[in-house]
């Protein structure tokens, strides 16, 4: 009996772990897509701000130490509530909390590309 319960747990655990893995991959893809559609026009695909709108607005490089030293909560607040008197729009209500968290994770990854 004990052997069959253990085997059943192993049998059920593997598909569950596979699902969790692919949900993480899907979330990363979703974050990249959200960044591309909502952020890259000002922050550039690489986060540098080196695009016409980014230069005009004088956006900060998202991979810079100044941005990366902010807490996840601070970055999420900037995304949710906007910054600089509306130059950066607020995405609260336009993006889900999970999408905002995904963007924070995506921004963290931009530091690794610099």
N, C-alpha and C. Protein backbone atom coordinates (compact mmCIF):
# COMPACT_ATOMS: atom_id res chain seq x y z
N UNK A 1 0.82 -1.20 0.00
CA UNK A 1 0.00 0.00 0.00
C UNK A 1 0.87 1.26 0.00
N UNK A 2 1.87 1.29 0.87
CA UNK A 2 2.74 2.45 0.97
C UNK A 2 3.46 2.70 -0.36
N UNK A 3 3.89 1.63 -1.00
CA UNK A 3 4.57 1.74 -2.29
C UNK A 3 3.65 2.34 -3.34
N UNK A 4 2.41 1.95 -3.39
CA UNK A 4 1.48 2.46 -4.41
C UNK A 4 1.15 3.93 -4.18
N UNK A 5 1.08 4.35 -2.94
CA UNK A 5 0.82 5.77 -2.64
C UNK A 5 2.02 6.61 -3.08
N UNK A 6 3.21 6.14 -2.78
CA UNK A 6 4.42 6.85 -3.18
C UNK A 6 4.51 6.95 -4.70
N UNK A 7 4.21 5.86 -5.38
CA UNK A 7 4.27 5.87 -6.83
C UNK A 7 3.20 6.81 -7.40
N UNK A 8 2.02 6.82 -6.80
CA UNK A 8 0.96 7.71 -7.26
C UNK A 8 1.37 9.18 -7.09
N UNK A 9 2.01 9.49 -5.99
CA UNK A 9 2.47 10.86 -5.75
C UNK A 9 3.50 11.26 -6.80
N UNK A 10 4.45 10.37 -7.09
CA UNK A 10 5.45 10.65 -8.11
C UNK A 10 4.81 10.84 -9.48
N UNK A 11 3.83 10.00 -9.78
CA UNK A 11 3.16 10.07 -11.06
C UNK A 11 2.42 11.40 -11.22
N UNK A 12 1.81 11.88 -10.16
CA UNK A 12 1.07 13.15 -10.22
C UNK A 12 1.99 14.36 -10.12
N UNK A 13 3.11 14.21 -9.44
CA UNK A 13 4.01 15.35 -9.24
C UNK A 13 4.70 15.76 -10.53
N UNK A 14 5.09 14.82 -11.37
CA UNK A 14 5.81 15.16 -12.59
C UNK A 14 5.00 16.09 -13.50
N UNK A 15 3.75 15.74 -13.85
CA UNK A 15 2.99 16.67 -14.70
C UNK A 15 2.79 18.04 -14.05
N UNK A 16 2.62 18.04 -12.74
CA UNK A 16 2.46 19.31 -12.03
C UNK A 16 3.71 20.17 -12.18
N UNK A 17 4.88 19.57 -12.03
CA UNK A 17 6.13 20.31 -12.17
C UNK A 17 6.32 20.81 -13.60
N UNK A 18 5.93 20.00 -14.57
CA UNK A 18 6.03 20.42 -15.97
C UNK A 18 5.13 21.63 -16.21
N UNK A 19 3.92 21.59 -15.68
CA UNK A 19 2.99 22.71 -15.83
C UNK A 19 3.57 23.96 -15.19
N UNK A 20 4.13 23.84 -13.99
CA UNK A 20 4.73 25.00 -13.33
C UNK A 20 5.87 25.57 -14.15
N UNK A 21 6.70 24.72 -14.72
CA UNK A 21 7.81 25.18 -15.55
C UNK A 21 7.29 25.98 -16.74
N UNK A 22 6.32 25.43 -17.45
CA UNK A 22 5.82 26.12 -18.63
C UNK A 22 5.03 27.37 -18.29
N UNK A 23 4.42 27.43 -17.13
CA UNK A 23 3.77 28.68 -16.70
C UNK A 23 4.81 29.76 -16.49
N UNK A 24 5.96 29.40 -15.93
CA UNK A 24 7.05 30.36 -15.75
C UNK A 24 7.58 30.84 -17.08
N UNK A 25 7.74 29.94 -18.03
CA UNK A 25 8.20 30.32 -19.37
C UNK A 25 7.17 31.21 -20.04
N UNK A 26 5.89 30.86 -19.92
CA UNK A 26 4.84 31.68 -20.53
C UNK A 26 4.82 33.07 -19.91
N UNK A 27 5.03 33.14 -18.60
CA UNK A 27 5.03 34.44 -17.94
C UNK A 27 6.18 35.30 -18.44
N UNK A 28 7.34 34.70 -18.61
CA UNK A 28 8.48 35.44 -19.13
C UNK A 28 8.19 35.96 -20.53
N UNK A 29 7.59 35.12 -21.37
CA UNK A 29 7.21 35.55 -22.71
C UNK A 29 6.19 36.66 -22.65
N UNK A 30 5.23 36.54 -21.73
CA UNK A 30 4.20 37.56 -21.58
C UNK A 30 4.82 38.88 -21.13
N UNK A 31 5.76 38.82 -20.21
CA UNK A 31 6.43 40.04 -19.72
C UNK A 31 7.19 40.72 -20.85
N UNK A 32 7.86 39.94 -21.67
CA UNK A 32 8.58 40.51 -22.80
C UNK A 32 7.61 41.16 -23.78
N UNK A 33 6.49 40.54 -23.99
CA UNK A 33 5.47 41.09 -24.89
C UNK A 33 4.87 42.38 -24.33
N UNK A 34 4.57 42.38 -23.04
CA UNK A 34 4.02 43.58 -22.40
C UNK A 34 5.05 44.70 -22.47
N UNK A 35 6.31 44.39 -22.16
CA UNK A 35 7.37 45.41 -22.23
C UNK A 35 7.45 45.97 -23.65
N UNK A 36 7.44 45.08 -24.63
CA UNK A 36 7.56 45.52 -26.02
C UNK A 36 6.41 46.44 -26.41
N UNK A 37 5.19 46.14 -26.00
CA UNK A 37 4.04 46.94 -26.42
C UNK A 37 3.82 48.19 -25.56
N UNK A 38 4.21 48.15 -24.29
CA UNK A 38 3.91 49.26 -23.40
C UNK A 38 5.10 50.13 -23.04
N UNK A 39 6.31 49.59 -23.13
CA UNK A 39 7.46 50.29 -22.57
C UNK A 39 8.55 50.64 -23.58
N UNK A 40 8.75 49.78 -24.56
CA UNK A 40 9.93 49.93 -25.43
C UNK A 40 9.90 51.19 -26.29
N UNK A 41 8.74 51.77 -26.53
CA UNK A 41 8.70 52.98 -27.36
C UNK A 41 9.44 54.15 -26.70
N UNK A 42 9.49 54.13 -25.37
CA UNK A 42 10.23 55.19 -24.65
C UNK A 42 11.53 54.67 -24.03
N UNK A 43 11.50 53.43 -23.56
CA UNK A 43 12.66 52.88 -22.86
C UNK A 43 13.59 52.09 -23.76
N UNK A 44 13.20 51.87 -25.03
CA UNK A 44 13.97 51.11 -26.01
C UNK A 44 13.89 49.61 -25.72
N UNK A 45 14.04 48.78 -26.72
CA UNK A 45 13.97 47.34 -26.51
C UNK A 45 14.97 46.83 -25.47
N UNK A 46 16.12 47.47 -25.37
CA UNK A 46 17.15 47.03 -24.41
C UNK A 46 17.08 47.79 -23.09
N UNK A 47 16.11 48.68 -22.92
CA UNK A 47 15.97 49.43 -21.68
C UNK A 47 16.84 50.67 -21.58
N UNK A 48 17.63 50.93 -22.60
CA UNK A 48 18.60 52.03 -22.55
C UNK A 48 17.98 53.41 -22.66
N UNK A 49 16.77 53.48 -23.23
CA UNK A 49 16.16 54.78 -23.51
C UNK A 49 16.69 55.41 -24.77
N UNK A 50 17.51 54.69 -25.51
CA UNK A 50 18.16 55.21 -26.69
C UNK A 50 17.25 55.07 -27.93
N UNK A 51 16.11 55.74 -27.86
CA UNK A 51 15.15 55.85 -28.97
C UNK A 51 14.69 57.30 -28.98
N UNK A 52 14.15 57.80 -30.09
CA UNK A 52 13.77 59.22 -30.15
C UNK A 52 12.90 59.69 -28.97
N UNK A 53 11.86 58.94 -28.64
CA UNK A 53 10.98 59.37 -27.54
C UNK A 53 11.72 59.33 -26.21
N UNK A 54 12.54 58.32 -26.01
CA UNK A 54 13.31 58.22 -24.77
C UNK A 54 14.29 59.37 -24.61
N UNK A 55 14.92 59.75 -25.70
CA UNK A 55 15.84 60.89 -25.65
C UNK A 55 15.09 62.17 -25.37
N UNK A 56 13.94 62.33 -26.01
CA UNK A 56 13.14 63.55 -25.80
C UNK A 56 12.69 63.66 -24.35
N UNK A 57 12.28 62.53 -23.75
CA UNK A 57 11.79 62.53 -22.37
C UNK A 57 12.91 62.39 -21.35
N UNK A 58 14.13 62.16 -21.84
CA UNK A 58 15.30 61.96 -20.97
C UNK A 58 15.06 60.83 -19.96
N UNK A 59 14.58 59.69 -20.48
CA UNK A 59 14.33 58.56 -19.61
C UNK A 59 15.65 57.96 -19.14
N UNK A 60 15.61 57.38 -17.97
CA UNK A 60 16.78 56.76 -17.36
C UNK A 60 16.93 55.34 -17.91
N UNK A 61 18.15 54.92 -18.11
CA UNK A 61 18.45 53.55 -18.54
C UNK A 61 17.96 52.59 -17.45
N UNK A 62 17.07 51.67 -17.84
CA UNK A 62 16.49 50.74 -16.86
C UNK A 62 17.51 49.74 -16.31
N UNK A 63 18.61 49.56 -16.99
CA UNK A 63 19.67 48.68 -16.50
C UNK A 63 20.67 49.38 -15.61
N UNK A 64 20.50 50.69 -15.44
CA UNK A 64 21.46 51.48 -14.65
C UNK A 64 21.35 51.15 -13.16
N UNK A 65 22.41 51.47 -12.45
CA UNK A 65 22.45 51.23 -11.00
C UNK A 65 21.34 52.00 -10.29
N UNK A 66 21.04 53.22 -10.76
CA UNK A 66 19.99 54.02 -10.11
C UNK A 66 18.63 53.33 -10.15
N UNK A 67 18.33 52.68 -11.26
CA UNK A 67 17.05 51.97 -11.37
C UNK A 67 17.14 50.64 -10.63
N UNK A 68 18.22 49.91 -10.84
CA UNK A 68 18.35 48.57 -10.28
C UNK A 68 18.43 48.57 -8.75
N UNK A 69 18.84 49.67 -8.14
CA UNK A 69 18.92 49.70 -6.67
C UNK A 69 17.55 49.92 -6.04
N UNK A 70 16.55 50.29 -6.84
CA UNK A 70 15.21 50.44 -6.31
C UNK A 70 14.65 49.07 -5.93
N UNK A 71 13.78 49.08 -4.93
CA UNK A 71 13.15 47.82 -4.53
C UNK A 71 12.11 47.42 -5.58
N UNK A 72 11.71 46.16 -5.53
CA UNK A 72 10.65 45.69 -6.43
C UNK A 72 9.38 46.50 -6.21
N UNK A 73 9.09 46.83 -4.95
CA UNK A 73 7.89 47.61 -4.64
C UNK A 73 7.97 49.01 -5.26
N UNK A 74 9.14 49.62 -5.22
CA UNK A 74 9.29 50.94 -5.82
C UNK A 74 9.11 50.90 -7.33
N UNK A 75 9.70 49.89 -7.97
CA UNK A 75 9.54 49.76 -9.42
C UNK A 75 8.08 49.49 -9.78
N UNK A 76 7.43 48.61 -9.03
CA UNK A 76 6.02 48.30 -9.28
C UNK A 76 5.16 49.55 -9.09
N UNK A 77 5.49 50.36 -8.09
CA UNK A 77 4.74 51.60 -7.86
C UNK A 77 4.91 52.56 -9.03
N UNK A 78 6.11 52.67 -9.56
CA UNK A 78 6.36 53.55 -10.71
C UNK A 78 5.55 53.09 -11.92
N UNK A 79 5.50 51.78 -12.13
CA UNK A 79 4.74 51.24 -13.26
C UNK A 79 3.24 51.46 -13.03
N UNK A 80 2.78 51.18 -11.84
CA UNK A 80 1.34 51.28 -11.55
C UNK A 80 0.86 52.73 -11.55
N UNK A 81 1.64 53.62 -10.97
CA UNK A 81 1.17 55.00 -10.74
C UNK A 81 1.81 56.04 -11.64
N UNK A 82 2.74 55.63 -12.47
CA UNK A 82 3.39 56.58 -13.37
C UNK A 82 4.44 57.40 -12.66
N UNK A 83 5.10 58.26 -13.46
CA UNK A 83 6.19 59.09 -12.91
C UNK A 83 6.26 60.41 -13.66
N UNK A 84 6.97 61.32 -13.06
CA UNK A 84 7.33 62.60 -13.69
C UNK A 84 6.12 63.36 -14.23
N UNK A 85 5.13 63.49 -13.38
CA UNK A 85 3.96 64.30 -13.75
C UNK A 85 3.22 63.81 -14.98
N UNK A 86 3.23 62.51 -15.19
CA UNK A 86 2.49 61.96 -16.32
C UNK A 86 3.32 61.67 -17.55
N UNK A 87 4.61 62.05 -17.53
CA UNK A 87 5.46 61.71 -18.68
C UNK A 87 5.50 60.19 -18.85
N UNK A 88 5.59 59.49 -17.72
CA UNK A 88 5.42 58.04 -17.75
C UNK A 88 4.01 57.76 -17.28
N UNK A 89 3.19 57.16 -18.13
CA UNK A 89 1.79 56.94 -17.76
C UNK A 89 1.64 55.88 -16.67
N UNK A 90 0.54 55.97 -15.98
CA UNK A 90 0.18 54.98 -14.96
C UNK A 90 -0.49 53.79 -15.64
N UNK A 91 -0.09 52.60 -15.22
CA UNK A 91 -0.67 51.38 -15.81
C UNK A 91 -1.57 50.63 -14.86
N UNK A 92 -1.84 51.23 -13.70
CA UNK A 92 -2.79 50.61 -12.76
C UNK A 92 -4.15 50.57 -13.43
N UNK A 93 -4.77 49.41 -13.42
CA UNK A 93 -6.05 49.24 -14.07
C UNK A 93 -5.93 48.87 -15.54
N UNK A 94 -4.76 49.10 -16.11
CA UNK A 94 -4.51 48.74 -17.51
C UNK A 94 -3.73 47.43 -17.59
N UNK A 95 -2.92 47.19 -16.57
CA UNK A 95 -2.17 45.94 -16.44
C UNK A 95 -2.56 45.28 -15.13
N UNK A 96 -2.53 43.96 -15.11
CA UNK A 96 -2.82 43.24 -13.87
C UNK A 96 -1.62 43.34 -12.93
N UNK A 97 -1.85 43.01 -11.67
CA UNK A 97 -0.74 42.99 -10.71
C UNK A 97 0.33 42.00 -11.15
N UNK A 98 -0.08 40.86 -11.71
CA UNK A 98 0.90 39.88 -12.19
C UNK A 98 1.72 40.43 -13.36
N UNK A 99 1.08 41.17 -14.25
CA UNK A 99 1.81 41.76 -15.37
C UNK A 99 2.81 42.80 -14.88
N UNK A 100 2.42 43.58 -13.89
CA UNK A 100 3.34 44.57 -13.32
C UNK A 100 4.51 43.87 -12.65
N UNK A 101 4.24 42.81 -11.89
CA UNK A 101 5.32 42.04 -11.26
C UNK A 101 6.23 41.44 -12.33
N UNK A 102 5.64 40.97 -13.41
CA UNK A 102 6.43 40.43 -14.51
C UNK A 102 7.33 41.49 -15.14
N UNK A 103 6.82 42.71 -15.25
CA UNK A 103 7.63 43.81 -15.78
C UNK A 103 8.80 44.13 -14.85
N UNK A 104 8.54 44.09 -13.56
CA UNK A 104 9.63 44.32 -12.59
C UNK A 104 10.72 43.26 -12.80
N UNK A 105 10.31 42.01 -12.92
CA UNK A 105 11.28 40.94 -13.16
C UNK A 105 12.02 41.16 -14.49
N UNK A 106 11.29 41.60 -15.50
CA UNK A 106 11.89 41.86 -16.81
C UNK A 106 12.93 42.98 -16.70
N UNK A 107 12.59 44.04 -15.97
CA UNK A 107 13.51 45.16 -15.77
C UNK A 107 14.77 44.68 -15.04
N UNK A 108 14.61 43.79 -14.08
CA UNK A 108 15.78 43.23 -13.38
C UNK A 108 16.69 42.52 -14.39
N UNK A 109 16.10 41.85 -15.34
CA UNK A 109 16.89 41.15 -16.35
C UNK A 109 17.63 42.07 -17.29
N UNK A 110 17.16 43.30 -17.44
CA UNK A 110 17.84 44.25 -18.32
C UNK A 110 19.22 44.61 -17.79
N UNK A 111 19.41 44.57 -16.49
CA UNK A 111 20.72 44.88 -15.90
C UNK A 111 21.75 43.85 -16.32
N UNK A 112 21.31 42.61 -16.53
CA UNK A 112 22.22 41.54 -16.92
C UNK A 112 22.67 41.67 -18.36
N UNK A 113 21.93 42.43 -19.15
CA UNK A 113 22.26 42.61 -20.56
C UNK A 113 23.23 43.77 -20.78
N UNK A 114 23.49 44.53 -19.74
CA UNK A 114 24.39 45.69 -19.86
C UNK A 114 25.81 45.32 -19.52
